[in-house]
Every structure is written in C-alpha cells, then in structure tokens.
C-alpha cells in the first residue's frame, strides 16, 4: 500500500495511460498509411490524365497533318 491505496490501483492507472498512448500511436500510423495511399492513388490519377492529354495532342497533330496534306 502506498498512501493508503493498493499497488494494483496504480498499475491499473498506469495501464490506462499506456493504452491511451498505444491508441494514439495506432491512430497516427493509420493516418500516415492513409496519406500514403491517397498520394499513390493521386499519382495514378494524374498519370492517367497526363497520358490522356498526350494521347489527345498526338491525335490532334495527326488530324492536322491529314488536313494539310488533303488541302
């Protein structure tokens, strides 16, 4: 007994704080993983847009060349 309180009460309080700390770490790690996933998916999306844009520019160039040769 410390200050009239059993030792297991102190251990219980210690485990409550430890549990809160571990939950905080888990939330922080989950946010980090989510951000990585969002960035990866964003990069895939931007690459797809860039490919589509370059493909359109290539098609427009071919169309312009066909129109110039037919004139």
PDB file of N, CA and C in Angstrom:
ATOM      1  N   UNK A   1       0.828  -1.186   0.000  1.00  0.00           N
ATOM      2  CA  UNK A   1       0.000   0.000   0.000  1.00  0.00           C
ATOM      3  C   UNK A   1       0.872   1.249   0.000  1.00  0.00           C
ATOM      4  N   UNK A   2       0.567   2.120  -0.915  1.00  0.00           N
ATOM      5  CA  UNK A   2       1.272   3.389  -0.990  1.00  0.00           C
ATOM      6  C   UNK A   2       0.221   4.475  -0.786  1.00  0.00           C
ATOM      7  N   UNK A   3       0.409   5.293   0.216  1.00  0.00           N
ATOM      8  CA  UNK A   3      -0.537   6.360   0.569  1.00  0.00           C
ATOM      9  C   UNK A   3      -1.942   5.815   0.803  1.00  0.00           C
ATOM     10  N   UNK A   4      -2.033   4.616   1.296  1.00  0.00           N
ATOM     11  CA  UNK A   4      -3.327   4.024   1.611  1.00  0.00           C
ATOM     12  C   UNK A   4      -4.056   3.456   0.410  1.00  0.00           C
ATOM     13  N   UNK A   5      -3.406   3.409  -0.757  1.00  0.00           N
ATOM     14  CA  UNK A   5      -4.030   2.884  -1.974  1.00  0.00           C
ATOM     15  C   UNK A   5      -3.269   1.620  -2.383  1.00  0.00           C
ATOM     16  N   UNK A   6      -3.947   0.549  -2.684  1.00  0.00           N
ATOM     17  CA  UNK A   6      -3.274  -0.694  -3.076  1.00  0.00           C
ATOM     18  C   UNK A   6      -2.427  -0.505  -4.333  1.00  0.00           C
ATOM     19  N   UNK A   7      -1.378  -1.301  -4.470  1.00  0.00           N
ATOM     20  CA  UNK A   7      -0.446  -1.186  -5.602  1.00  0.00           C
ATOM     21  C   UNK A   7      -1.130  -1.476  -6.930  1.00  0.00           C
ATOM     22  N   UNK A   8      -2.141  -2.367  -6.933  1.00  0.00           N
ATOM     23  CA  UNK A   8      -2.778  -2.726  -8.185  1.00  0.00           C
ATOM     24  C   UNK A   8      -3.586  -1.557  -8.766  1.00  0.00           C
ATOM     25  N   UNK A   9      -4.010  -0.622  -7.936  1.00  0.00           N
ATOM     26  CA  UNK A   9      -4.715   0.558  -8.439  1.00  0.00           C
ATOM     27  C   UNK A   9      -3.749   1.419  -9.250  1.00  0.00           C
ATOM     28  N   UNK A  10      -2.512   1.567  -8.747  1.00  0.00           N
ATOM     29  CA  UNK A  10      -1.504   2.313  -9.501  1.00  0.00           C
ATOM     30  C   UNK A  10      -1.193   1.622 -10.830  1.00  0.00           C
ATOM     31  N   UNK A  11      -1.114   0.292 -10.786  1.00  0.00           N
ATOM     32  CA  UNK A  11      -0.859  -0.448 -12.026  1.00  0.00           C
ATOM     33  C   UNK A  11      -2.014  -0.256 -13.011  1.00  0.00           C
ATOM     34  N   UNK A  12      -3.222  -0.253 -12.515  1.00  0.00           N
ATOM     35  CA  UNK A  12      -4.399  -0.054 -13.347  1.00  0.00           C
ATOM     36  C   UNK A  12      -4.348   1.313 -14.024  1.00  0.00           C
ATOM     37  N   UNK A  13      -4.022   2.335 -13.261  1.00  0.00           N
ATOM     38  CA  UNK A  13      -3.919   3.688 -13.811  1.00  0.00           C
ATOM     39  C   UNK A  13      -2.788   3.764 -14.838  1.00  0.00           C
ATOM     40  N   UNK A  14      -1.679   3.117 -14.537  1.00  0.00           N
ATOM     41  CA  UNK A  14      -0.550   3.080 -15.475  1.00  0.00           C
ATOM     42  C   UNK A  14      -0.960   2.414 -16.786  1.00  0.00           C
ATOM     43  N   UNK A  15      -1.685   1.311 -16.710  1.00  0.00           N
ATOM     44  CA  UNK A  15      -2.125   0.627 -17.921  1.00  0.00           C
ATOM     45  C   UNK A  15      -3.139   1.454 -18.710  1.00  0.00           C
ATOM     46  N   UNK A  16      -3.932   2.252 -18.042  1.00  0.00           N
ATOM     47  CA  UNK A  16      -4.865   3.141 -18.748  1.00  0.00           C
ATOM     48  C   UNK A  16      -4.081   4.159 -19.582  1.00  0.00           C
ATOM     49  N   UNK A  17      -3.067   4.760 -18.979  1.00  0.00           N
ATOM     50  CA  UNK A  17      -2.242   5.719 -19.729  1.00  0.00           C
ATOM     51  C   UNK A  17      -1.489   5.037 -20.859  1.00  0.00           C
ATOM     52  N   UNK A  18      -0.974   3.841 -20.596  1.00  0.00           N
ATOM     53  CA  UNK A  18      -0.260   3.098 -21.631  1.00  0.00           C
ATOM     54  C   UNK A  18      -1.193   2.763 -22.792  1.00  0.00           C
ATOM     55  N   UNK A  19      -2.413   2.376 -22.490  1.00  0.00           N
ATOM     56  CA  UNK A  19      -3.390   2.057 -23.522  1.00  0.00           C
ATOM     57  C   UNK A  19      -3.714   3.295 -24.364  1.00  0.00           C
ATOM     58  N   UNK A  20      -3.852   4.440 -23.714  1.00  0.00           N
ATOM     59  CA  UNK A  20      -4.100   5.680 -24.449  1.00  0.00           C
ATOM     60  C   UNK A  20      -2.947   6.030 -25.364  1.00  0.00           C
ATOM     61  N   UNK A  21      -1.720   5.835 -24.879  1.00  0.00           N
ATOM     62  CA  UNK A  21      -0.542   6.110 -25.700  1.00  0.00           C
ATOM     63  C   UNK A  21      -0.503   5.191 -26.911  1.00  0.00           C
ATOM     64  N   UNK A  22      -0.781   3.916 -26.720  1.00  0.00           N
ATOM     65  CA  UNK A  22      -0.754   2.968 -27.832  1.00  0.00           C
ATOM     66  C   UNK A  22      -1.876   3.281 -28.837  1.00  0.00           C
ATOM     67  N   UNK A  23      -3.033   3.712 -28.355  1.00  0.00           N
ATOM     68  CA  UNK A  23      -4.116   4.091 -29.257  1.00  0.00           C
ATOM     69  C   UNK A  23      -3.720   5.315 -30.075  1.00  0.00           C
ATOM     70  N   UNK A  24      -3.052   6.277 -29.433  1.00  0.00           N
ATOM     71  CA  UNK A  24      -2.578   7.470 -30.133  1.00  0.00           C
ATOM     72  C   UNK A  24      -1.588   7.093 -31.231  1.00  0.00           C
ATOM     73  N   UNK A  25      -0.658   6.195 -30.906  1.00  0.00           N
ATOM     74  CA  UNK A  25       0.310   5.735 -31.912  1.00  0.00           C
ATOM     75  C   UNK A  25      -0.384   5.037 -33.070  1.00  0.00           C
ATOM     76  N   UNK A  26      -1.400   4.219 -32.777  1.00  0.00           N
ATOM     77  CA  UNK A  26      -2.115   3.498 -33.827  1.00  0.00           C
ATOM     78  C   UNK A  26      -2.852   4.462 -34.747  1.00  0.00           C
ATOM     79  N   UNK A  27      -3.478   5.475 -34.176  1.00  0.00           N
ATOM     80  CA  UNK A  27      -4.203   6.462 -34.988  1.00  0.00           C
ATOM     81  C   UNK A  27      -3.228   7.213 -35.878  1.00  0.00           C
ATOM     82  N   UNK A  28      -2.082   7.601 -35.327  1.00  0.00           N
ATOM     83  CA  UNK A  28      -1.081   8.330 -36.103  1.00  0.00           C
ATOM     84  C   UNK A  28      -0.540   7.472 -37.246  1.00  0.00           C
ATOM     85  N   UNK A  29      -0.285   6.192 -36.979  1.00  0.00           N
ATOM     86  CA  UNK A  29       0.204   5.294 -38.029  1.00  0.00           C
ATOM     87  C   UNK A  29      -0.862   5.089 -39.101  1.00  0.00           C
ATOM     88  N   UNK A  30      -2.111   4.980 -38.687  1.00  0.00           N
ATOM     89  CA  UNK A  30      -3.201   4.808 -39.645  1.00  0.00           C
ATOM     90  C   UNK A  30      -3.337   6.026 -40.549  1.00  0.00           C
ATOM     91  N   UNK A  31      -3.209   7.216 -39.990  1.00  0.00           N
ATOM     92  CA  UNK A  31      -3.258   8.437 -40.804  1.00  0.00           C
ATOM     93  C   UNK A  31      -2.120   8.467 -41.808  1.00  0.00           C
ATOM     94  N   UNK A  32      -0.932   8.057 -41.365  1.00  0.00           N
ATOM     95  CA  UNK A  32       0.222   8.034 -42.258  1.00  0.00           C
ATOM     96  C   UNK A  32      -0.012   7.066 -43.416  1.00  0.00           C
ATOM     97  N   UNK A  33      -0.540   5.875 -43.112  1.00  0.00           N
ATOM     98  CA  UNK A  33      -0.835   4.907 -44.170  1.00  0.00           C
ATOM     99  C   UNK A  33      -1.902   5.435 -45.128  1.00  0.00           C
ATOM    100  N   UNK A  34      -2.908   6.094 -44.573  1.00  0.00           N
ATOM    101  CA  UNK A  34      -3.968   6.647 -45.411  1.00  0.00           C
ATOM    102  C   UNK A  34      -3.434   7.727 -46.343  1.00  0.00           C
ATOM    103  N   UNK A  35      -2.551   8.574 -45.829  1.00  0.00           N
ATOM    104  CA  UNK A  35      -1.960   9.615 -46.671  1.00  0.00           C
ATOM    105  C   UNK A  35      -1.112   9.012 -47.784  1.00  0.00           C
ATOM    106  N   UNK A  36      -0.364   7.964 -47.471  1.00  0.00           N
ATOM    107  CA  UNK A  36       0.432   7.301 -48.500  1.00  0.00           C
ATOM    108  C   UNK A  36      -0.466   6.709 -49.581  1.00  0.00           C
ATOM    109  N   UNK A  37      -1.571   6.104 -49.162  1.00  0.00           N
ATOM    110  CA  UNK A  37      -2.499   5.535 -50.127  1.00  0.00           C
ATOM    111  C   UNK A  37      -3.112   6.627 -51.004  1.00  0.00           C
ATOM    112  N   UNK A  38      -3.508   7.728 -50.384  1.00  0.00           N
ATOM    113  CA  UNK A  38      -4.104   8.839 -51.131  1.00  0.00           C
ATOM    114  C   UNK A  38      -3.102   9.406 -52.126  1.00  0.00           C
ATOM    115  N   UNK A  39      -1.850   9.574 -51.698  1.00  0.00           N
ATOM    116  CA  UNK A  39      -0.828  10.105 -52.605  1.00  0.00           C
ATOM    117  C   UNK A  39      -0.568   9.149 -53.763  1.00  0.00           C
ATOM    118  N   UNK A  40      -0.529   7.847 -53.477  1.00  0.00           N
ATOM    119  CA  UNK A  40      -0.285   6.867 -54.531  1.00  0.00           C
ATOM    120  C   UNK A  40      -1.439   6.864 -55.535  1.00  0.00           C
ATOM    121  N   UNK A  41      -2.676   6.870 -55.044  1.00  0.00           N
ATOM    122  CA  UNK A  41      -3.827   6.888 -55.936  1.00  0.00           C
ATOM    123  C   UNK A  41      -3.901   8.206 -56.709  1.00  0.00           C
ATOM    124  N   UNK A  42      -3.525   9.306 -56.078  1.00  0.00           N
ATOM    125  CA  UNK A  42      -3.492  10.592 -56.763  1.00  0.00           C
ATOM    126  C   UNK A  42      -2.479  10.598 -57.888  1.00  0.00           C
ATOM    127  N   UNK A  43      -1.330   9.969 -57.648  1.00  0.00           N
ATOM    128  CA  UNK A  43      -0.307   9.891 -58.690  1.00  0.00           C
ATOM    129  C   UNK A  43      -0.805   9.050 -59.869  1.00  0.00           C
ATOM    130  N   UNK A  44      -1.480   7.943 -59.583  1.00  0.00           N
ATOM    131  CA  UNK A  44      -2.038   7.114 -60.657  1.00  0.00           C
ATOM    132  C   UNK A  44      -3.047   7.929 -61.465  1.00  0.00           C
ATOM    133  N   UNK A  45      -3.892   8.677 -60.775  1.00  0.00           N
ATOM    134  CA  UNK A  45      -4.887   9.505 -61.449  1.00  0.00           C
ATOM    135  C   UNK A  45      -4.219  10.573 -62.312  1.00  0.00           C
ATOM    136  N   UNK A  46      -3.215  11.258 -61.769  1.00  0.00           N
ATOM    137  CA  UNK A  46      -2.535  12.306 -62.529  1.00  0.00           C
ATOM    138  C   UNK A  46      -1.791  11.721 -63.737  1.00  0.00           C
ATOM    139  N   UNK A  47      -1.194  10.535 -63.563  1.00  0.00           N
ATOM    140  CA  UNK A  47      -0.531   9.883 -64.697  1.00  0.00           C
ATOM    141  C   UNK A  47      -1.535   9.543 -65.787  1.00  0.00           C
ATOM    142  N   UNK A  48      -2.711   9.079 -65.387  1.00  0.00           N
ATOM    143  CA  UNK A  48      -3.752   8.746 -66.359  1.00  0.00           C
ATOM    144  C   UNK A  48      -4.195   9.999 -67.111  1.00  0.00           C
ATOM    145  N   UNK A  49      -4.348  11.096 -66.401  1.00  0.00           N
ATOM    146  CA  UNK A  49      -4.736  12.359 -67.044  1.00  0.00           C
ATOM    147  C   UNK A  49      -3.645  12.802 -68.015  1.00  0.00           C
ATOM    148  N   UNK A  50      -2.393  12.710 -67.600  1.00  0.00           N
ATOM    149  CA  UNK A  50      -1.277  13.115 -68.457  1.00  0.00           C
ATOM    150  C   UNK A  50      -1.221  12.245 -69.717  1.00  0.00           C
ATOM    151  N   UNK A  51      -1.421  10.938 -69.551  1.00  0.00           N
ATOM    152  CA  UNK A  51      -1.423  10.049 -70.718  1.00  0.00           C
ATOM    153  C   UNK A  51      -2.548  10.405 -71.671  1.00  0.00           C
ATOM    154  N   UNK A  52      -3.724  10.665 -71.123  1.00  0.00           N
ATOM    155  CA  UNK A  52      -4.869  11.043 -71.960  1.00  0.00           C
ATOM    156  C   UNK A  52      -4.592  12.355 -72.690  1.00  0.00           C
ATOM    157  N   UNK A  53      -3.999  13.309 -71.992  1.00  0.00           N
ATOM    158  CA  UNK A  53      -3.689  14.604 -72.594  1.00  0.00           C
ATOM    159  C   UNK A  53      -2.674  14.437 -73.731  1.00  0.00           C
ATOM    160  N   UNK A  54      -1.640  13.653 -73.497  1.00  0.00           N
ATOM    161  CA  UNK A  54      -0.628  13.465 -74.549  1.00  0.00           C
ATOM    162  C   UNK A  54      -1.210  12.675 -75.715  1.00  0.00           C
ATOM    163  N   UNK A  55      -2.113  11.744 -75.413  1.00  0.00           N
ATOM    164  CA  UNK A  55      -2.744  10.980 -76.480  1.00  0.00           C
ATOM    165  C   UNK A  55      -3.634  11.890 -77.332  1.00  0.00           C
ATOM    166  N   UNK A  56      -4.357  12.794 -76.694  1.00  0.00           N
ATOM    167  CA  UNK A  56      -5.193  13.741 -77.437  1.00  0.00           C
ATOM    168  C   UNK A  56      -4.346  14.656 -78.307  1.00  0.00           C
ATOM    169  N   UNK A  57      -3.236  15.143 -77.757  1.00  0.00           N
ATOM    170  CA  UNK A  57      -2.366  16.031 -78.532  1.00  0.00           C
ATOM    171  C   UNK A  57      -1.778  15.284 -79.728  1.00  0.00           C
ATOM    172  N   UNK A  58      -1.470  14.006 -79.543  1.00  0.00           N
ATOM    173  CA  UNK A  58      -0.963  13.196 -80.656  1.00  0.00           C
ATOM    174  C   UNK A  58      -2.020  13.010 -81.717  1.00  0.00           C
ATOM    175  N   UNK A  59      -3.251  12.774 -81.305  1.00  0.00           N
ATOM    176  CA  UNK A  59      -4.350  12.609 -82.264  1.00  0.00           C
ATOM    177  C   UNK A  59      -4.642  13.909 -82.988  1.00  0.00           C
ATOM    178  N   UNK A  60      -4.571  15.029 -82.299  1.00  0.00           N
ATOM    179  CA  UNK A  60      -4.813  16.328 -82.937  1.00  0.00           C
ATOM    180  C   UNK A  60      -3.715  16.633 -83.954  1.00  0.00           C
ATOM    181  N   UNK A  61      -2.488  16.273 -83.648  1.00  0.00           N
ATOM    182  CA  UNK A  61      -1.383  16.505 -84.584  1.00  0.00           C
ATOM    183  C   UNK A  61      -1.580  15.676 -85.842  1.00  0.00           C
ATOM    184  N   UNK A  62      -1.993  14.424 -85.680  1.00  0.00           N
ATOM    185  CA  UNK A  62      -2.227  13.569 -86.843  1.00  0.00           C
ATOM    186  C   UNK A  62      -3.369  14.119 -87.687  1.00  0.00           C
ATOM    187  N   UNK A  63      -4.418  14.606 -87.056  1.00  0.00           N
ATOM    188  CA  UNK A  63      -5.567  15.168 -87.765  1.00  0.00           C
ATOM    189  C   UNK A  63      -5.154  16.408 -88.541  1.00  0.00           C
ATOM    190  N   UNK A  64      -4.345  17.258 -87.928  1.00  0.00           N
ATOM    191  CA  UNK A  64      -3.882  18.478 -88.604  1.00  0.00           C
ATOM    192  C   UNK A  64      -3.007  18.123 -89.804  1.00  0.00           C
ATOM    193  N   UNK A  65      -2.146  17.121 -89.655  1.00  0.00           N
ATOM    194  CA  UNK A  65      -1.288  16.729 -90.771  1.00  0.00           C
ATOM    195  C   UNK A  65      -2.110  16.165 -91.920  1.00  0.00           C
ATOM    196  N   UNK A  66      -3.155  15.392 -91.608  1.00  0.00           N
ATOM    197  CA  UNK A  66      -4.026  14.838 -92.656  1.00  0.00           C
ATOM    198  C   UNK A  66      -4.780  15.944 -93.365  1.00  0.00           C
ATOM    199  N   UNK A  67      -5.215  16.949 -92.603  1.00  0.00           N
ATOM    200  CA  UNK A  67      -5.950  18.049 -93.214  1.00  0.00           C
ATOM    201  C   UNK A  67      -5.029  18.859 -94.111  1.00  0.00           C
ATOM    202  N   UNK A  68      -3.775  19.064 -93.728  1.00  0.00           N
ATOM    203  CA  UNK A  68      -2.837  19.849 -94.549  1.00  0.00           C
ATOM    204  C   UNK A  68      -2.480  19.094 -95.833  1.00  0.00           C
ATOM    205  N   UNK A  69      -2.332  17.799 -95.755  1.00  0.00           N
ATOM    206  CA  UNK A  69      -1.970  17.040 -96.952  1.00  0.00           C
ATOM    207  C   UNK A  69      -3.153  16.914 -97.916  1.00  0.00           C
ATOM    208  N   UNK A  70      -4.383  16.961 -97.389  1.00  0.00           N
ATOM    209  CA  UNK A  70      -5.556  16.840 -98.266  1.00  0.00           C
ATOM    210  C   UNK A  70      -5.912  18.179 -98.926  1.00  0.00           C
ATOM    211  N   UNK A  71      -5.354  19.289 -98.456  1.00  0.00           N
ATOM    212  CA  UNK A  71      -5.694  20.600 -98.991  1.00  0.00           C
ATOM    213  C   UNK A  71      -4.938  20.897-100.209  1.00  0.00           C
TER     214      UNK A  71
END
